[in-house]
Amino acid sequence: VCCPSNGHGLGLEFRIAHDGAVETSFSCDKIFQGYPDVLHGGVVSMLLDGAMTNCLFSHNIVALTADLAVRFRHPVATTTTASVRAWITSSLSPIHELTAELVQDNEVRATATGKFLERSFAGLFRKMGK
């Protein structure tokens, strides 16, 4: 979603908020629409997941998404910018739980919760066949 070395990424730049959350904005271009004038749900999910991952990065934690639950509350329009915010709700190494929200026109349009597994432990579970 935001890696500068990925030429196909969205190039999002996350800012660290005073409370430790991260925030960014997204222009919701029509090239990402699913239905006319509505942002595709997969793009919404990607934005929320990317925000949570970047929140972990801002706390010097590298982790992989282990579980992601997205709630689509209202359609996200492709006619205006949206803001995305994520924060840590629980952090007990190697598992971290986060929450994210996408807001457009002062209304929460989508939320997500996720569990993330620190990358060093993800390889261990793979070797164990789990």
C-alpha atoms as a PDB file:
ATOM      1  CA  VAL A   1       0.000   0.000   0.000  1.00  0.00           C
ATOM      2  CA  CYS A   2       2.704   2.490   0.880  1.00  0.00           C
ATOM      3  CA  CYS A   3       6.166   1.043   0.301  1.00  0.00           C
ATOM      4  CA  PRO A   4       8.159   3.666  -1.655  1.00  0.00           C
ATOM      5  CA  SER A   5      10.051   0.935  -3.528  1.00  0.00           C
ATOM      6  CA  ASN A   6       6.809  -0.558  -4.891  1.00  0.00           C
ATOM      7  CA  GLY A   7       6.078   1.263  -8.125  1.00  0.00           C
ATOM      8  CA  HIS A   8       2.584  -0.238  -8.206  1.00  0.00           C
ATOM      9  CA  GLY A   9       1.693   0.757  -4.633  1.00  0.00           C
ATOM     10  CA  LEU A  10      -0.490   3.663  -3.565  1.00  0.00           C
ATOM     11  CA  GLY A  11       2.408   5.657  -2.099  1.00  0.00           C
ATOM     12  CA  LEU A  12       0.498   6.520   1.075  1.00  0.00           C
ATOM     13  CA  GLU A  13       2.393   8.407   3.749  1.00  0.00           C
ATOM     14  CA  PHE A  14       1.274   7.709   7.295  1.00  0.00           C
ATOM     15  CA  ARG A  15       1.662  10.319  10.025  1.00  0.00           C
ATOM     16  CA  ILE A  16       2.062   9.384  13.675  1.00  0.00           C
ATOM     17  CA  ALA A  17      -0.604  11.027  15.839  1.00  0.00           C
ATOM     18  CA  HIS A  18      -0.045  12.276  19.381  1.00  0.00           C
ATOM     19  CA  ASP A  19      -1.784   9.166  20.800  1.00  0.00           C
ATOM     20  CA  GLY A  20       0.455   6.683  18.928  1.00  0.00           C
ATOM     21  CA  ALA A  21      -2.048   5.970  16.162  1.00  0.00           C
ATOM     22  CA  VAL A  22      -1.200   6.505  12.495  1.00  0.00           C
ATOM     23  CA  GLU A  23      -3.232   8.495   9.973  1.00  0.00           C
ATOM     24  CA  THR A  24      -3.281   9.126   6.241  1.00  0.00           C
ATOM     25  CA  SER A  25      -5.636  10.292   3.539  1.00  0.00           C
ATOM     26  CA  PHE A  26      -6.641   8.575   0.310  1.00  0.00           C
ATOM     27  CA  SER A  27      -8.122  10.272  -2.744  1.00  0.00           C
ATOM     28  CA  CYS A  28     -10.557   7.398  -3.593  1.00  0.00           C
ATOM     29  CA  ASP A  29      -9.974   7.669  -7.333  1.00  0.00           C
ATOM     30  CA  LYS A  30     -12.600   6.188  -9.676  1.00  0.00           C
ATOM     31  CA  ILE A  31     -10.069   3.636 -10.970  1.00  0.00           C
ATOM     32  CA  PHE A  32     -10.634   1.830  -7.653  1.00  0.00           C
ATOM     33  CA  GLN A  33     -14.417   1.680  -7.861  1.00  0.00           C
ATOM     34  CA  GLY A  34     -16.397  -1.538  -7.630  1.00  0.00           C
ATOM     35  CA  TYR A  35     -19.850  -0.214  -8.403  1.00  0.00           C
ATOM     36  CA  PRO A  36     -20.258   3.209 -10.029  1.00  0.00           C
ATOM     37  CA  ASP A  37     -18.944   5.919  -7.687  1.00  0.00           C
ATOM     38  CA  VAL A  38     -18.307   3.398  -4.850  1.00  0.00           C
ATOM     39  CA  LEU A  39     -14.814   2.347  -3.743  1.00  0.00           C
ATOM     40  CA  HIS A  40     -14.258  -1.413  -4.136  1.00  0.00           C
ATOM     41  CA  GLY A  41     -14.479  -3.317  -0.842  1.00  0.00           C
ATOM     42  CA  GLY A  42     -11.140  -4.987  -1.477  1.00  0.00           C
ATOM     43  CA  VAL A  43      -9.484  -1.575  -1.685  1.00  0.00           C
ATOM     44  CA  VAL A  44     -11.198  -0.520   1.550  1.00  0.00           C
ATOM     45  CA  SER A  45      -9.895  -3.691   3.227  1.00  0.00           C
ATOM     46  CA  MET A  46      -6.399  -3.097   1.862  1.00  0.00           C
ATOM     47  CA  LEU A  47      -6.366   0.468   3.213  1.00  0.00           C
ATOM     48  CA  LEU A  48      -7.448  -0.632   6.688  1.00  0.00           C
ATOM     49  CA  ASP A  49      -4.954  -3.525   6.777  1.00  0.00           C
ATOM     50  CA  GLY A  50      -2.171  -1.257   5.506  1.00  0.00           C
ATOM     51  CA  ALA A  51      -2.923   1.332   8.180  1.00  0.00           C
ATOM     52  CA  MET A  52      -2.715  -1.274  10.937  1.00  0.00           C
ATOM     53  CA  THR A  53       0.569  -2.635   9.569  1.00  0.00           C
ATOM     54  CA  ASN A  54       2.008   0.882   9.397  1.00  0.00           C
ATOM     55  CA  CYS A  55       0.902   1.516  12.964  1.00  0.00           C
ATOM     56  CA  LEU A  56       2.986  -1.487  14.005  1.00  0.00           C
ATOM     57  CA  PHE A  57       5.923  -0.227  11.928  1.00  0.00           C
ATOM     58  CA  SER A  58       5.713   3.112  13.755  1.00  0.00           C
ATOM     59  CA  HIS A  59       6.216   1.163  17.003  1.00  0.00           C
ATOM     60  CA  ASN A  60       9.176  -0.777  15.515  1.00  0.00           C
ATOM     61  CA  ILE A  61       7.161  -3.986  15.181  1.00  0.00           C
ATOM     62  CA  VAL A  62       7.279  -6.036  11.972  1.00  0.00           C
ATOM     63  CA  ALA A  63       4.319  -8.407  11.843  1.00  0.00           C
ATOM     64  CA  LEU A  64       2.114 -10.241   9.377  1.00  0.00           C
ATOM     65  CA  THR A  65      -1.670 -10.163   9.265  1.00  0.00           C
ATOM     66  CA  ALA A  66      -2.998 -13.324  10.931  1.00  0.00           C
ATOM     67  CA  ASP A  67      -6.667 -12.350  11.141  1.00  0.00           C
ATOM     68  CA  LEU A  68      -8.610  -9.485   9.576  1.00  0.00           C
ATOM     69  CA  ALA A  69     -12.273  -8.622  10.128  1.00  0.00           C
ATOM     70  CA  VAL A  70     -13.751  -5.725   8.161  1.00  0.00           C
ATOM     71  CA  ARG A  71     -17.120  -4.098   8.776  1.00  0.00           C
ATOM     72  CA  PHE A  72     -18.524  -2.084   5.886  1.00  0.00           C
ATOM     73  CA  ARG A  73     -20.858   0.456   7.504  1.00  0.00           C
ATOM     74  CA  HIS A  74     -21.571   2.771   4.556  1.00  0.00           C
ATOM     75  CA  PRO A  75     -20.388   2.933   0.938  1.00  0.00           C
ATOM     76  CA  VAL A  76     -17.150   4.829   0.386  1.00  0.00           C
ATOM     77  CA  ALA A  77     -17.622   7.334  -2.429  1.00  0.00           C
ATOM     78  CA  THR A  78     -15.062   7.791  -5.190  1.00  0.00           C
ATOM     79  CA  THR A  79     -15.914  11.493  -5.349  1.00  0.00           C
ATOM     80  CA  THR A  80     -14.116  12.672  -2.210  1.00  0.00           C
ATOM     81  CA  THR A  81     -11.058  11.997  -0.068  1.00  0.00           C
ATOM     82  CA  ALA A  82     -11.187   9.613   2.897  1.00  0.00           C
ATOM     83  CA  SER A  83      -9.001   9.457   5.985  1.00  0.00           C
ATOM     84  CA  VAL A  84      -7.689   6.221   7.454  1.00  0.00           C
ATOM     85  CA  ARG A  85      -6.552   5.801  11.058  1.00  0.00           C
ATOM     86  CA  ALA A  86      -5.218   2.778  12.997  1.00  0.00           C
ATOM     87  CA  TRP A  87      -4.162   2.139  16.580  1.00  0.00           C
ATOM     88  CA  ILE A  88      -2.943  -0.708  18.795  1.00  0.00           C
ATOM     89  CA  THR A  89      -5.575  -2.094  21.164  1.00  0.00           C
ATOM     90  CA  SER A  90      -3.504  -4.927  22.673  1.00  0.00           C
ATOM     91  CA  SER A  91       0.149  -5.812  22.361  1.00  0.00           C
ATOM     92  CA  LEU A  92       1.567  -8.955  23.920  1.00  0.00           C
ATOM     93  CA  SER A  93       4.473 -10.230  21.842  1.00  0.00           C
ATOM     94  CA  PRO A  94       4.279 -12.063  19.459  1.00  0.00           C
ATOM     95  CA  ILE A  95       0.569 -11.194  18.927  1.00  0.00           C
ATOM     96  CA  HIS A  96      -0.674  -7.637  18.424  1.00  0.00           C
ATOM     97  CA  GLU A  97      -4.305  -6.572  18.043  1.00  0.00           C
ATOM     98  CA  LEU A  98      -5.235  -3.390  16.223  1.00  0.00           C
ATOM     99  CA  THR A  99      -8.267  -1.418  15.126  1.00  0.00           C
ATOM    100  CA  ALA A 100      -8.638   0.833  12.091  1.00  0.00           C
ATOM    101  CA  GLU A 101     -11.307   3.061  10.637  1.00  0.00           C
ATOM    102  CA  LEU A 102     -11.965   4.797   7.341  1.00  0.00           C
ATOM    103  CA  VAL A 103     -13.789   8.128   7.636  1.00  0.00           C
ATOM    104  CA  GLN A 104     -15.297  10.146   4.817  1.00  0.00           C
ATOM    105  CA  ASP A 105     -17.353  13.336   5.171  1.00  0.00           C
ATOM    106  CA  ASN A 106     -17.116  13.029   8.987  1.00  0.00           C
ATOM    107  CA  GLU A 107     -18.768   9.596   8.936  1.00  0.00           C
ATOM    108  CA  VAL A 108     -17.142   6.253   9.765  1.00  0.00           C
ATOM    109  CA  ARG A 109     -17.639   4.266   6.555  1.00  0.00           C
ATOM    110  CA  ALA A 110     -15.655   1.119   7.449  1.00  0.00           C
ATOM    111  CA  THR A 111     -13.852  -0.377  10.430  1.00  0.00           C
ATOM    112  CA  ALA A 112     -11.489  -3.282  10.885  1.00  0.00           C
ATOM    113  CA  THR A 113      -9.892  -5.298  13.634  1.00  0.00           C
ATOM    114  CA  GLY A 114      -6.831  -7.396  13.073  1.00  0.00           C
ATOM    115  CA  LYS A 115      -4.448  -9.743  14.794  1.00  0.00           C
ATOM    116  CA  PHE A 116      -0.839  -9.600  13.706  1.00  0.00           C
ATOM    117  CA  LEU A 117       1.938 -12.101  14.306  1.00  0.00           C
ATOM    118  CA  GLU A 118       5.503 -10.860  14.593  1.00  0.00           C
ATOM    119  CA  ARG A 119       7.397 -11.907  11.506  1.00  0.00           C
ATOM    120  CA  SER A 120      10.086 -13.845  13.373  1.00  0.00           C
ATOM    121  CA  PHE A 121       7.396 -16.062  14.916  1.00  0.00           C
ATOM    122  CA  ALA A 122       5.487 -16.516  11.647  1.00  0.00           C
ATOM    123  CA  GLY A 123       8.399 -18.509  10.213  1.00  0.00           C
ATOM    124  CA  LEU A 124       8.528 -20.679  13.316  1.00  0.00           C
ATOM    125  CA  PHE A 125       4.867 -21.648  12.976  1.00  0.00           C
ATOM    126  CA  ARG A 126       5.359 -22.445   9.292  1.00  0.00           C
ATOM    127  CA  LYS A 127       8.268 -24.771  10.126  1.00  0.00           C
ATOM    128  CA  MET A 128       6.121 -26.518  12.744  1.00  0.00           C
ATOM    129  CA  GLY A 129       3.423 -27.150  10.140  1.00  0.00           C
ATOM    130  CA  LYS A 130       0.783 -25.034  11.890  1.00  0.00           C
END
